Amino acid sequence: MALTHEEIVKALRSLKPGASYNVSNLVVNWTDSSQSQPSADELEAEDAKIKKAYTDNKYQRDRAVAHASIADQLDQIYWDKKNGTTIWVDAVTKVKSDNPKP
């Protein structure tokens, strides 16, 4: 499987943070003498790991956009305390049930 430029760079950043290199025409020019250059197989394995983590965490991204803003949630918590209601807990419970962990 041939990786794109972006996939190569993401895999390199994940595998070798802070390493010196450049990627041109899908070829890695390794300039870091303090670290070994990862193989193509290592880059592909890291790319697969990154993609799996992204897929596995979809529920987190869905929840993040479904929740009210932090300011609104704090206001809900305040008024729940003041009025003895559970509006905030109910809202968070709905977001979590609508977007369950796998």
N, C-alpha and C. Protein backbone atom coordinates (compact mmCIF):
# COMPACT_ATOMS: atom_id res chain seq x y z
N MET A 1 0.84 -1.19 0.00
CA MET A 1 0.00 0.00 0.00
C MET A 1 0.89 1.24 0.00
N ALA A 2 0.65 2.14 -0.90
CA ALA A 2 1.43 3.38 -0.97
C ALA A 2 0.74 4.44 -0.12
N LEU A 3 1.52 5.08 0.74
CA LEU A 3 0.99 6.12 1.59
C LEU A 3 1.05 7.47 0.87
N THR A 4 0.15 8.36 1.24
CA THR A 4 0.18 9.72 0.71
C THR A 4 1.25 10.52 1.47
N HIS A 5 1.53 11.68 0.96
CA HIS A 5 2.49 12.58 1.62
C HIS A 5 2.05 12.85 3.07
N GLU A 6 0.78 13.19 3.24
CA GLU A 6 0.25 13.50 4.57
C GLU A 6 0.35 12.29 5.51
N GLU A 7 0.04 11.11 5.01
CA GLU A 7 0.12 9.90 5.83
C GLU A 7 1.55 9.60 6.25
N ILE A 8 2.50 9.80 5.34
CA ILE A 8 3.91 9.59 5.67
C ILE A 8 4.35 10.54 6.78
N VAL A 9 4.00 11.81 6.63
CA VAL A 9 4.40 12.82 7.61
C VAL A 9 3.77 12.53 8.98
N LYS A 10 2.48 12.17 9.01
CA LYS A 10 1.83 11.85 10.28
C LYS A 10 2.49 10.64 10.94
N ALA A 11 2.79 9.62 10.16
CA ALA A 11 3.44 8.43 10.71
C ALA A 11 4.83 8.76 11.24
N LEU A 12 5.59 9.56 10.50
CA LEU A 12 6.93 9.95 10.96
C LEU A 12 6.85 10.77 12.25
N ARG A 13 5.92 11.69 12.32
CA ARG A 13 5.77 12.51 13.54
C ARG A 13 5.40 11.65 14.73
N SER A 14 4.60 10.64 14.50
CA SER A 14 4.18 9.75 15.57
C SER A 14 5.31 8.82 16.01
N LEU A 15 6.02 8.25 15.05
CA LEU A 15 7.09 7.31 15.35
C LEU A 15 8.36 7.96 15.87
N LYS A 16 8.71 9.09 15.29
CA LYS A 16 10.00 9.74 15.58
C LYS A 16 9.79 11.23 15.86
N PRO A 17 9.14 11.56 16.98
CA PRO A 17 8.89 12.98 17.27
C PRO A 17 10.20 13.77 17.34
N GLY A 18 10.21 14.90 16.70
CA GLY A 18 11.39 15.77 16.73
C GLY A 18 12.50 15.38 15.77
N ALA A 19 12.30 14.33 15.00
CA ALA A 19 13.34 13.90 14.06
C ALA A 19 13.46 14.90 12.91
N SER A 20 14.63 14.90 12.28
CA SER A 20 14.88 15.78 11.14
C SER A 20 14.77 14.98 9.84
N TYR A 21 13.92 15.44 8.95
CA TYR A 21 13.70 14.78 7.67
C TYR A 21 12.90 15.72 6.77
N ASN A 22 12.82 15.39 5.52
CA ASN A 22 11.86 16.05 4.63
C ASN A 22 11.31 14.99 3.71
N VAL A 23 10.12 15.25 3.23
CA VAL A 23 9.43 14.31 2.35
C VAL A 23 9.16 15.04 1.04
N SER A 24 9.66 14.47 -0.05
CA SER A 24 9.46 15.06 -1.36
C SER A 24 9.12 13.95 -2.35
N ASN A 25 8.05 14.12 -3.08
CA ASN A 25 7.60 13.11 -4.05
C ASN A 25 7.48 11.73 -3.41
N LEU A 26 6.95 11.71 -2.19
CA LEU A 26 6.70 10.48 -1.43
C LEU A 26 7.97 9.74 -1.04
N VAL A 27 9.10 10.44 -1.09
CA VAL A 27 10.38 9.86 -0.68
C VAL A 27 10.85 10.60 0.57
N VAL A 28 11.24 9.83 1.59
CA VAL A 28 11.72 10.42 2.84
C VAL A 28 13.22 10.63 2.74
N ASN A 29 13.66 11.86 2.94
CA ASN A 29 15.08 12.19 3.00
C ASN A 29 15.41 12.36 4.49
N TRP A 30 16.01 11.33 5.07
CA TRP A 30 16.30 11.30 6.50
C TRP A 30 17.58 12.08 6.78
N THR A 31 17.49 13.10 7.62
CA THR A 31 18.66 13.93 7.93
C THR A 31 19.03 13.89 9.40
N ASP A 32 18.39 13.02 10.16
CA ASP A 32 18.61 12.94 11.60
C ASP A 32 19.58 11.80 11.91
N SER A 33 20.78 12.16 12.34
CA SER A 33 21.78 11.12 12.64
C SER A 33 21.60 10.54 14.04
N SER A 34 20.73 11.15 14.86
CA SER A 34 20.55 10.67 16.23
C SER A 34 19.46 9.59 16.33
N GLN A 35 18.68 9.41 15.27
CA GLN A 35 17.62 8.41 15.28
C GLN A 35 17.67 7.60 13.99
N SER A 36 17.25 6.35 14.09
CA SER A 36 17.22 5.53 12.88
C SER A 36 15.96 5.83 12.08
N GLN A 37 16.08 5.72 10.78
CA GLN A 37 14.94 5.98 9.89
C GLN A 37 14.01 4.77 9.92
N PRO A 38 12.71 5.01 10.09
CA PRO A 38 11.77 3.89 10.07
C PRO A 38 11.63 3.32 8.65
N SER A 39 11.36 2.03 8.59
CA SER A 39 11.18 1.37 7.30
C SER A 39 9.80 1.69 6.74
N ALA A 40 9.60 1.35 5.48
CA ALA A 40 8.29 1.54 4.84
C ALA A 40 7.23 0.70 5.58
N ASP A 41 7.60 -0.50 6.00
CA ASP A 41 6.65 -1.34 6.74
C ASP A 41 6.27 -0.70 8.08
N GLU A 42 7.26 -0.11 8.75
CA GLU A 42 6.97 0.57 10.02
C GLU A 42 6.06 1.78 9.81
N LEU A 43 6.29 2.51 8.73
CA LEU A 43 5.43 3.67 8.42
C LEU A 43 4.00 3.21 8.13
N GLU A 44 3.85 2.14 7.36
CA GLU A 44 2.51 1.63 7.04
C GLU A 44 1.80 1.11 8.30
N ALA A 45 2.55 0.44 9.18
CA ALA A 45 1.95 -0.06 10.42
C ALA A 45 1.51 1.11 11.31
N GLU A 46 2.32 2.15 11.38
CA GLU A 46 1.97 3.32 12.18
C GLU A 46 0.77 4.04 11.59
N ASP A 47 0.71 4.13 10.26
CA ASP A 47 -0.43 4.74 9.59
C ASP A 47 -1.71 3.97 9.93
N ALA A 48 -1.64 2.65 9.89
CA ALA A 48 -2.80 1.82 10.23
C ALA A 48 -3.22 2.04 11.67
N LYS A 49 -2.25 2.16 12.57
CA LYS A 49 -2.53 2.41 13.99
C LYS A 49 -3.22 3.76 14.18
N ILE A 50 -2.72 4.79 13.49
CA ILE A 50 -3.30 6.13 13.58
C ILE A 50 -4.74 6.12 13.06
N LYS A 51 -4.97 5.46 11.94
CA LYS A 51 -6.32 5.40 11.35
C LYS A 51 -7.28 4.62 12.26
N LYS A 52 -6.80 3.53 12.87
CA LYS A 52 -7.64 2.75 13.78
C LYS A 52 -8.03 3.58 14.99
N ALA A 53 -7.07 4.31 15.56
CA ALA A 53 -7.36 5.16 16.71
C ALA A 53 -8.39 6.23 16.35
N TYR A 54 -8.26 6.80 15.15
CA TYR A 54 -9.21 7.81 14.70
C TYR A 54 -10.61 7.21 14.58
N THR A 55 -10.71 6.05 13.97
CA THR A 55 -12.00 5.37 13.81
C THR A 55 -12.59 4.98 15.16
N ASP A 56 -11.75 4.41 16.03
CA ASP A 56 -12.22 3.96 17.34
C ASP A 56 -12.72 5.10 18.22
N ASN A 57 -12.26 6.31 17.97
CA ASN A 57 -12.63 7.44 18.81
C ASN A 57 -13.69 8.35 18.17
N LYS A 58 -14.40 7.83 17.18
CA LYS A 58 -15.45 8.62 16.53
C LYS A 58 -16.48 9.11 17.53
N TYR A 59 -16.84 8.25 18.49
CA TYR A 59 -17.84 8.62 19.47
C TYR A 59 -17.41 9.88 20.25
N GLN A 60 -16.10 10.04 20.49
CA GLN A 60 -15.63 11.23 21.20
C GLN A 60 -15.85 12.49 20.38
N ARG A 61 -15.57 12.40 19.09
CA ARG A 61 -15.78 13.57 18.22
C ARG A 61 -17.26 13.90 18.12
N ASP A 62 -18.09 12.86 18.04
CA ASP A 62 -19.54 13.08 17.96
C ASP A 62 -20.06 13.72 19.24
N ARG A 63 -19.57 13.24 20.38
CA ARG A 63 -20.00 13.81 21.66
C ARG A 63 -19.57 15.26 21.78
N ALA A 64 -18.37 15.56 21.34
CA ALA A 64 -17.83 16.92 21.48
C ALA A 64 -18.72 17.95 20.80
N VAL A 65 -19.24 17.62 19.63
CA VAL A 65 -20.09 18.58 18.92
C VAL A 65 -21.53 18.55 19.43
N ALA A 66 -21.94 17.46 20.09
CA ALA A 66 -23.31 17.35 20.58
C ALA A 66 -23.50 18.05 21.93
N HIS A 67 -22.44 18.16 22.72
CA HIS A 67 -22.54 18.83 24.03
C HIS A 67 -22.74 20.33 23.85
N ALA A 68 -23.43 20.91 24.82
CA ALA A 68 -23.54 22.37 24.87
C ALA A 68 -22.16 22.94 25.19
N SER A 69 -21.99 24.23 24.97
CA SER A 69 -20.71 24.88 25.29
C SER A 69 -20.44 24.76 26.79
N ILE A 70 -19.19 24.89 27.17
CA ILE A 70 -18.82 24.83 28.58
C ILE A 70 -19.57 25.91 29.37
N ALA A 71 -19.66 27.10 28.81
CA ALA A 71 -20.37 28.19 29.50
C ALA A 71 -21.83 27.80 29.73
N ASP A 72 -22.48 27.24 28.72
CA ASP A 72 -23.88 26.83 28.89
C ASP A 72 -24.01 25.70 29.89
N GLN A 73 -23.06 24.77 29.88
CA GLN A 73 -23.11 23.67 30.84
C GLN A 73 -22.93 24.19 32.28
N LEU A 74 -22.01 25.12 32.47
CA LEU A 74 -21.83 25.69 33.80
C LEU A 74 -23.09 26.41 34.27
N ASP A 75 -23.73 27.10 33.35
CA ASP A 75 -24.99 27.78 33.69
C ASP A 75 -26.07 26.76 34.07
N GLN A 76 -26.13 25.65 33.31
CA GLN A 76 -27.09 24.59 33.64
C GLN A 76 -26.81 24.01 35.03
N ILE A 77 -25.53 23.77 35.34
CA ILE A 77 -25.17 23.22 36.65
C ILE A 77 -25.56 24.19 37.76
N TYR A 78 -25.30 25.47 37.54
CA TYR A 78 -25.67 26.49 38.54
C TYR A 78 -27.17 26.45 38.81
N TRP A 79 -27.96 26.50 37.73
CA TRP A 79 -29.41 26.54 37.91
C TRP A 79 -29.96 25.21 38.44
N ASP A 80 -29.32 24.11 38.09
CA ASP A 80 -29.72 22.83 38.67
C ASP A 80 -29.51 22.83 40.19
N LYS A 81 -28.38 23.36 40.62
CA LYS A 81 -28.10 23.44 42.06
C LYS A 81 -29.11 24.36 42.75
N LYS A 82 -29.36 25.48 42.11
CA LYS A 82 -30.26 26.48 42.70
C LYS A 82 -31.70 25.98 42.75
N ASN A 83 -32.14 25.25 41.71
CA ASN A 83 -33.54 24.83 41.61
C ASN A 83 -33.78 23.37 41.97
N GLY A 84 -32.71 22.63 42.26
CA GLY A 84 -32.88 21.22 42.58
C GLY A 84 -33.31 20.38 41.38
N THR A 85 -32.88 20.78 40.18
CA THR A 85 -33.24 20.06 38.95
C THR A 85 -32.05 19.25 38.44
N THR A 86 -32.27 18.49 37.37
CA THR A 86 -31.22 17.64 36.80
C THR A 86 -31.08 17.88 35.29
N ILE A 87 -31.30 19.10 34.87
CA ILE A 87 -31.25 19.41 33.44
C ILE A 87 -29.88 19.09 32.85
N TRP A 88 -28.80 19.48 33.54
CA TRP A 88 -27.46 19.22 33.03
C TRP A 88 -27.18 17.72 32.95
N VAL A 89 -27.46 17.00 34.02
CA VAL A 89 -27.23 15.55 34.04
C VAL A 89 -28.04 14.88 32.93
N ASP A 90 -29.27 15.30 32.75
CA ASP A 90 -30.12 14.73 31.70
C ASP A 90 -29.54 14.99 30.31
N ALA A 91 -29.03 16.19 30.09
CA ALA A 91 -28.46 16.54 28.79
C ALA A 91 -27.20 15.73 28.51
N VAL A 92 -26.32 15.61 29.50
CA VAL A 92 -25.08 14.85 29.32
C VAL A 92 -25.41 13.37 29.11
N THR A 93 -26.36 12.86 29.86
CA THR A 93 -26.77 11.45 29.72
C THR A 93 -27.29 11.19 28.32
N LYS A 94 -28.06 12.13 27.77
CA LYS A 94 -28.60 11.95 26.41
C LYS A 94 -27.48 11.93 25.38
N VAL A 95 -26.52 12.84 25.51
CA VAL A 95 -25.39 12.86 24.57
C VAL A 95 -24.63 11.53 24.63
N LYS A 96 -24.38 11.06 25.85
CA LYS A 96 -23.64 9.81 26.01
C LYS A 96 -24.45 8.62 25.47
N SER A 97 -25.73 8.59 25.68
CA SER A 97 -26.53 7.46 25.19
C SER A 97 -26.72 7.53 23.67
N ASP A 98 -26.77 8.73 23.12
CA ASP A 98 -26.87 8.89 21.66
C ASP A 98 -25.57 8.56 20.95
N ASN A 99 -24.44 8.66 21.67
CA ASN A 99 -23.11 8.42 21.11
C ASN A 99 -22.33 7.50 22.03
N PRO A 100 -22.71 6.21 22.11
CA PRO A 100 -22.07 5.31 23.08
C PRO A 100 -20.65 4.94 22.69
N LYS A 101 -19.87 4.58 23.72
CA LYS A 101 -18.54 4.03 23.47
C LYS A 101 -18.70 2.70 22.79
N PRO A 102 -17.81 2.37 21.86
CA PRO A 102 -17.92 1.05 21.21
C PRO A 102 -17.62 -0.08 22.18
